[in-house]
Amino acid sequence: MKGRLLSAFAGMAAMMSSATGWAQDKLPDPAADWDHLWFEILVDLFVIGGIFAVAAAIMLIKYKAKSPDAVGNGPRLTKVQALAWAFIPATIFMADDFFLAAKGWTLWNTYRTVPENAMEIKVTGSMWNWEFEYPDGTTSTYYPDEATEADKGDGLVVPVGRAVVLRMTSTDVIHSFGMANYRVKEDLMPGRITYIWFNPKEVKNSFVTCTEFCGTNHSRMYAPVKAIAPAKFKEWLKKQADA
């Protein structure tokens, strides 16, 4: 019995280690998985909705009253038939729901399992700007307020092809770090560290915005997110260090 327990724990440890030890060229793409799951949910909704719409149309036409005085008579069902009509559709729909829920939990586990070689960037949210601190101490702060035009920075700059984990906190109120293009969003709270990770697979410009109302300039609390080639990223870090 003891040997079986040890084997089970060893197997679980191996699974966890394989989940965090992704090779760089085999990194999961949570954003693509999110889009795929959302597509499946939409297809599911349209298929089920279409079935009910067709069934409703057939019954409206087939059982339409022929005169104002017509009284309909429902079919008499045996107990087996009644149970079948109740449990078979319910079982099918519940199986479908459990299937989508399981895929949702799988995606959630992907979002919460940070690759071990991910680059860590510290994010600090304040009213009303974002500050990004890189492993070498480089900081980048973005001020979208027109009154501080000269203080505008580059925002969040990351290299393509490497997972990025953001360790986040807030200096004042609750903020929410949302990057729609990467399908990630997480709250920032004073006195607590939260995190998200994403996989910038291609060169592109997007943005991050605060999705939790945080005061009068909440709508202006945004910053660019620039995914650039690794060589250009090194040049950008050197330029920031020399500035």
Protein backbone atom coordinates (compact mmCIF):
# COMPACT_ATOMS: atom_id res chain seq x y z
CA MET A 1 0.00 0.00 0.00
CA LYS A 2 2.79 2.38 0.97
CA GLY A 3 4.61 1.62 -2.28
CA ARG A 4 1.50 2.38 -4.31
CA LEU A 5 1.06 5.73 -2.57
CA LEU A 6 4.67 6.66 -3.25
CA SER A 7 4.27 5.69 -6.90
CA ALA A 8 1.11 7.80 -7.14
CA PHE A 9 2.82 10.84 -5.64
CA ALA A 10 5.79 10.35 -7.95
CA GLY A 11 3.45 10.24 -10.93
CA MET A 12 1.72 13.44 -9.83
CA ALA A 13 5.08 15.16 -9.38
CA ALA A 14 6.14 14.09 -12.87
CA MET A 15 2.93 15.47 -14.34
CA MET A 16 3.39 18.80 -12.54
CA SER A 17 7.00 19.01 -13.61
CA SER A 18 6.07 18.32 -17.24
CA ALA A 19 3.37 20.99 -17.04
CA THR A 20 5.88 23.65 -15.98
CA GLY A 21 8.80 22.43 -18.02
CA TRP A 22 7.57 23.25 -21.49
CA ALA A 23 10.18 23.50 -24.16
CA GLN A 24 10.44 27.00 -25.58
CA ASP A 25 9.21 25.89 -29.01
CA LYS A 26 6.27 24.04 -27.45
CA LEU A 27 4.88 26.78 -25.24
CA PRO A 28 1.09 26.72 -25.03
CA ASP A 29 -0.80 29.68 -26.40
CA PRO A 30 -3.57 30.54 -23.90
CA ALA A 31 -5.01 33.22 -26.19
CA ALA A 32 -5.48 30.74 -29.07
CA ASP A 33 -6.93 28.14 -26.69
CA TRP A 34 -9.32 30.79 -25.31
CA ASP A 35 -10.48 31.68 -28.84
CA HIS A 36 -10.97 27.99 -29.69
CA LEU A 37 -13.04 27.35 -26.56
CA TRP A 38 -15.14 30.46 -27.17
CA PHE A 39 -15.79 29.29 -30.76
CA GLU A 40 -16.93 25.90 -29.45
CA ILE A 41 -19.28 27.60 -26.99
CA LEU A 42 -20.79 29.74 -29.75
CA VAL A 43 -21.25 26.71 -32.01
CA ASP A 44 -22.84 24.87 -29.10
CA LEU A 45 -25.25 27.72 -28.41
CA PHE A 46 -26.23 28.10 -32.06
CA VAL A 47 -26.74 24.34 -32.56
CA ILE A 48 -28.87 23.94 -29.43
CA GLY A 49 -30.74 27.16 -30.15
CA GLY A 50 -31.34 26.05 -33.72
CA ILE A 51 -32.71 22.67 -32.58
CA PHE A 52 -35.16 24.34 -30.19
CA ALA A 53 -36.15 26.95 -32.80
CA VAL A 54 -36.90 24.26 -35.41
CA ALA A 55 -38.79 22.13 -32.88
CA ALA A 56 -40.84 25.15 -31.78
CA ALA A 57 -41.66 26.08 -35.40
CA ILE A 58 -42.74 22.50 -36.21
CA MET A 59 -45.01 22.34 -33.15
CA LEU A 60 -46.50 25.77 -33.85
CA ILE A 61 -47.43 24.69 -37.38
CA LYS A 62 -48.42 21.09 -36.68
CA TYR A 63 -50.52 21.76 -33.60
CA LYS A 64 -52.04 25.06 -34.66
CA ALA A 65 -55.68 25.36 -33.63
CA LYS A 66 -58.07 24.96 -36.55
CA SER A 67 -60.77 27.06 -34.93
CA PRO A 68 -61.18 29.29 -31.85
CA ASP A 69 -63.15 26.53 -30.11
CA ALA A 70 -60.61 23.78 -30.77
CA VAL A 71 -59.26 22.06 -27.67
CA GLY A 72 -56.01 20.16 -27.93
CA ASN A 73 -55.37 16.77 -26.38
CA GLY A 74 -51.84 15.86 -25.37
CA PRO A 75 -50.52 12.39 -26.21
CA ARG A 76 -50.71 9.86 -23.43
CA LEU A 77 -47.26 8.59 -22.46
CA THR A 78 -46.27 5.52 -20.56
CA LYS A 79 -43.97 5.94 -17.55
CA VAL A 80 -41.04 4.69 -19.60
CA GLN A 81 -41.76 7.20 -22.37
CA ALA A 82 -42.18 10.07 -19.89
CA LEU A 83 -38.90 9.21 -18.15
CA ALA A 84 -37.14 8.88 -21.50
CA TRP A 85 -38.35 12.31 -22.69
CA ALA A 86 -37.18 13.82 -19.39
CA PHE A 87 -33.84 12.11 -18.81
CA ILE A 88 -32.42 11.56 -22.31
CA PRO A 89 -32.40 15.27 -23.31
CA ALA A 90 -31.24 16.24 -19.80
CA THR A 91 -28.37 13.74 -19.98
CA ILE A 92 -27.29 14.97 -23.41
CA PHE A 93 -27.32 18.63 -22.34
CA MET A 94 -25.55 17.92 -19.05
CA ALA A 95 -22.87 15.89 -20.83
CA ASP A 96 -22.33 18.79 -23.21
CA ASP A 97 -22.10 21.26 -20.30
CA PHE A 98 -19.64 19.05 -18.41
CA PHE A 99 -17.52 18.69 -21.55
CA LEU A 100 -17.25 22.47 -22.00
CA ALA A 101 -16.68 22.97 -18.27
CA ALA A 102 -13.83 20.45 -18.32
CA LYS A 103 -12.21 22.26 -21.25
CA GLY A 104 -12.63 25.51 -19.34
CA TRP A 105 -10.83 24.08 -16.30
CA THR A 106 -8.04 22.79 -18.55
CA LEU A 107 -7.62 26.27 -20.00
CA TRP A 108 -7.68 27.78 -16.50
CA ASN A 109 -4.87 25.44 -15.44
CA THR A 110 -2.86 26.58 -18.45
CA TYR A 111 -3.37 30.22 -17.45
CA ARG A 112 -2.26 29.53 -13.87
CA THR A 113 0.78 27.36 -14.71
CA VAL A 114 3.70 29.66 -15.49
CA PRO A 115 6.48 28.19 -17.69
CA GLU A 116 9.68 27.89 -15.68
CA ASN A 117 11.75 29.94 -18.18
CA ALA A 118 9.30 32.84 -18.37
CA MET A 119 10.68 36.36 -18.14
CA GLU A 120 9.36 38.05 -14.99
CA ILE A 121 8.26 41.68 -15.07
CA LYS A 122 6.99 43.52 -12.01
CA VAL A 123 3.90 45.65 -12.59
CA THR A 124 2.76 48.41 -10.25
CA GLY A 125 -0.59 50.08 -10.76
CA SER A 126 -1.22 53.56 -9.35
CA MET A 127 -3.78 56.26 -9.93
CA TRP A 128 -3.42 56.56 -12.89
CA ASN A 129 -0.47 54.89 -14.55
CA TRP A 130 1.35 51.59 -14.98
CA GLU A 131 4.98 51.00 -14.04
CA PHE A 132 6.91 48.03 -15.44
CA GLU A 133 10.17 46.84 -13.87
CA TYR A 134 12.40 44.37 -15.72
CA PRO A 135 14.82 41.78 -14.25
CA ASP A 136 17.83 44.07 -14.81
CA GLY A 137 16.18 46.93 -12.92
CA THR A 138 15.02 48.83 -16.01
CA THR A 139 11.71 50.60 -15.44
CA SER A 140 9.18 51.89 -17.93
CA THR A 141 6.28 54.08 -16.82
CA TYR A 142 3.51 55.31 -19.06
CA TYR A 143 1.47 58.45 -18.33
CA PRO A 144 -1.47 58.91 -20.69
CA ASP A 145 -2.50 62.15 -18.98
CA GLU A 146 -2.12 65.15 -21.31
CA ALA A 147 -0.71 67.22 -18.44
CA THR A 148 2.35 64.92 -18.26
CA GLU A 149 2.95 64.51 -21.98
CA ALA A 150 6.74 64.72 -21.48
CA ASP A 151 6.69 61.78 -19.07
CA LYS A 152 5.10 59.33 -21.46
CA GLY A 153 7.11 56.11 -21.73
CA ASP A 154 7.20 53.07 -23.98
CA GLY A 155 4.76 51.06 -21.89
CA LEU A 156 5.18 47.29 -21.70
CA VAL A 157 7.86 46.06 -24.11
CA VAL A 158 8.40 42.28 -24.42
CA PRO A 159 10.43 39.98 -26.69
CA VAL A 160 8.64 37.71 -29.14
CA GLY A 161 8.99 33.98 -28.59
CA ARG A 162 9.37 33.97 -24.81
CA ALA A 163 6.70 33.57 -22.16
CA VAL A 164 6.23 36.63 -19.95
CA VAL A 165 4.88 36.50 -16.39
CA LEU A 166 3.67 39.70 -14.76
CA ARG A 167 3.89 39.93 -10.94
CA MET A 168 1.51 42.71 -10.04
CA THR A 169 0.50 44.90 -7.12
CA SER A 170 -1.18 48.26 -6.49
CA THR A 171 -0.06 51.26 -4.46
CA ASP A 172 -3.52 52.63 -3.71
CA VAL A 173 -6.82 51.10 -4.87
CA ILE A 174 -7.90 48.00 -6.77
CA HIS A 175 -6.93 48.15 -10.44
CA SER A 176 -7.43 45.47 -13.09
CA PHE A 177 -4.79 44.71 -15.71
CA GLY A 178 -6.52 43.73 -18.93
CA MET A 179 -4.92 42.86 -22.29
CA ALA A 180 -7.73 41.96 -24.66
CA ASN A 181 -5.38 40.91 -27.47
CA TYR A 182 -3.76 38.29 -25.24
CA ARG A 183 -7.04 37.27 -23.54
CA VAL A 184 -5.74 37.94 -20.02
CA LYS A 185 -7.06 40.01 -17.12
CA GLU A 186 -6.19 40.08 -13.42
CA ASP A 187 -6.81 42.41 -10.48
CA LEU A 188 -4.08 44.36 -8.70
CA MET A 189 -4.57 44.92 -4.96
CA PRO A 190 -2.57 46.81 -2.32
CA GLY A 191 -0.54 44.46 -0.12
CA ARG A 192 -0.96 41.47 -2.40
CA ILE A 193 0.93 40.02 -5.39
CA THR A 194 -1.14 38.63 -8.25
CA TYR A 195 0.10 37.29 -11.56
CA ILE A 196 -0.73 36.49 -15.15
CA TRP A 197 1.37 35.18 -17.99
CA PHE A 198 1.07 35.39 -21.74
CA ASN A 199 2.87 34.20 -24.85
CA PRO A 200 3.80 36.97 -27.35
CA LYS A 201 4.12 34.83 -30.47
CA GLU A 202 4.39 37.57 -33.08
CA VAL A 203 5.54 41.15 -33.50
CA LYS A 204 2.59 43.45 -32.88
CA ASN A 205 1.39 46.47 -30.95
CA SER A 206 -1.57 46.24 -28.61
CA PHE A 207 -2.51 47.87 -25.33
CA VAL A 208 -3.34 47.29 -21.69
CA THR A 209 -6.16 49.10 -19.95
CA CYS A 210 -7.50 49.21 -16.42
CA THR A 211 -10.83 47.36 -16.36
CA GLU A 212 -11.74 48.18 -12.74
CA PHE A 213 -13.11 51.68 -12.00
CA CYS A 214 -10.37 53.36 -9.96
CA GLY A 215 -11.18 57.06 -9.91
CA THR A 216 -11.62 60.15 -12.05
CA ASN A 217 -8.92 59.27 -14.63
CA HIS A 218 -9.80 55.58 -14.83
CA SER A 219 -10.58 55.84 -18.56
CA ARG A 220 -7.10 57.24 -19.20
CA MET A 221 -5.24 54.45 -17.39
CA TYR A 222 -3.89 52.57 -20.37
CA ALA A 223 -0.50 51.85 -21.91
CA PRO A 224 0.91 50.38 -25.13
CA VAL A 225 2.10 46.78 -25.22
CA LYS A 226 4.84 46.22 -27.77
CA ALA A 227 5.96 42.72 -28.73
CA ILE A 228 9.22 43.11 -30.64
CA ALA A 229 12.00 40.89 -31.97
CA PRO A 230 14.47 39.60 -29.33
CA ALA A 231 17.38 41.55 -30.87
CA LYS A 232 15.41 44.80 -30.80
CA PHE A 233 14.35 44.06 -27.24
CA LYS A 234 18.01 43.83 -26.16
CA GLU A 235 18.67 47.12 -27.93
CA TRP A 236 15.72 48.69 -26.15
CA LEU A 237 16.99 47.50 -22.73
CA LYS A 238 20.46 48.90 -23.47
CA LYS A 239 18.97 52.20 -24.59
CA GLN A 240 16.95 52.41 -21.36
CA ALA A 241 20.05 51.63 -19.27
CA ASP A 242 22.10 54.30 -21.06
CA ALA A 243 19.38 56.95 -20.73
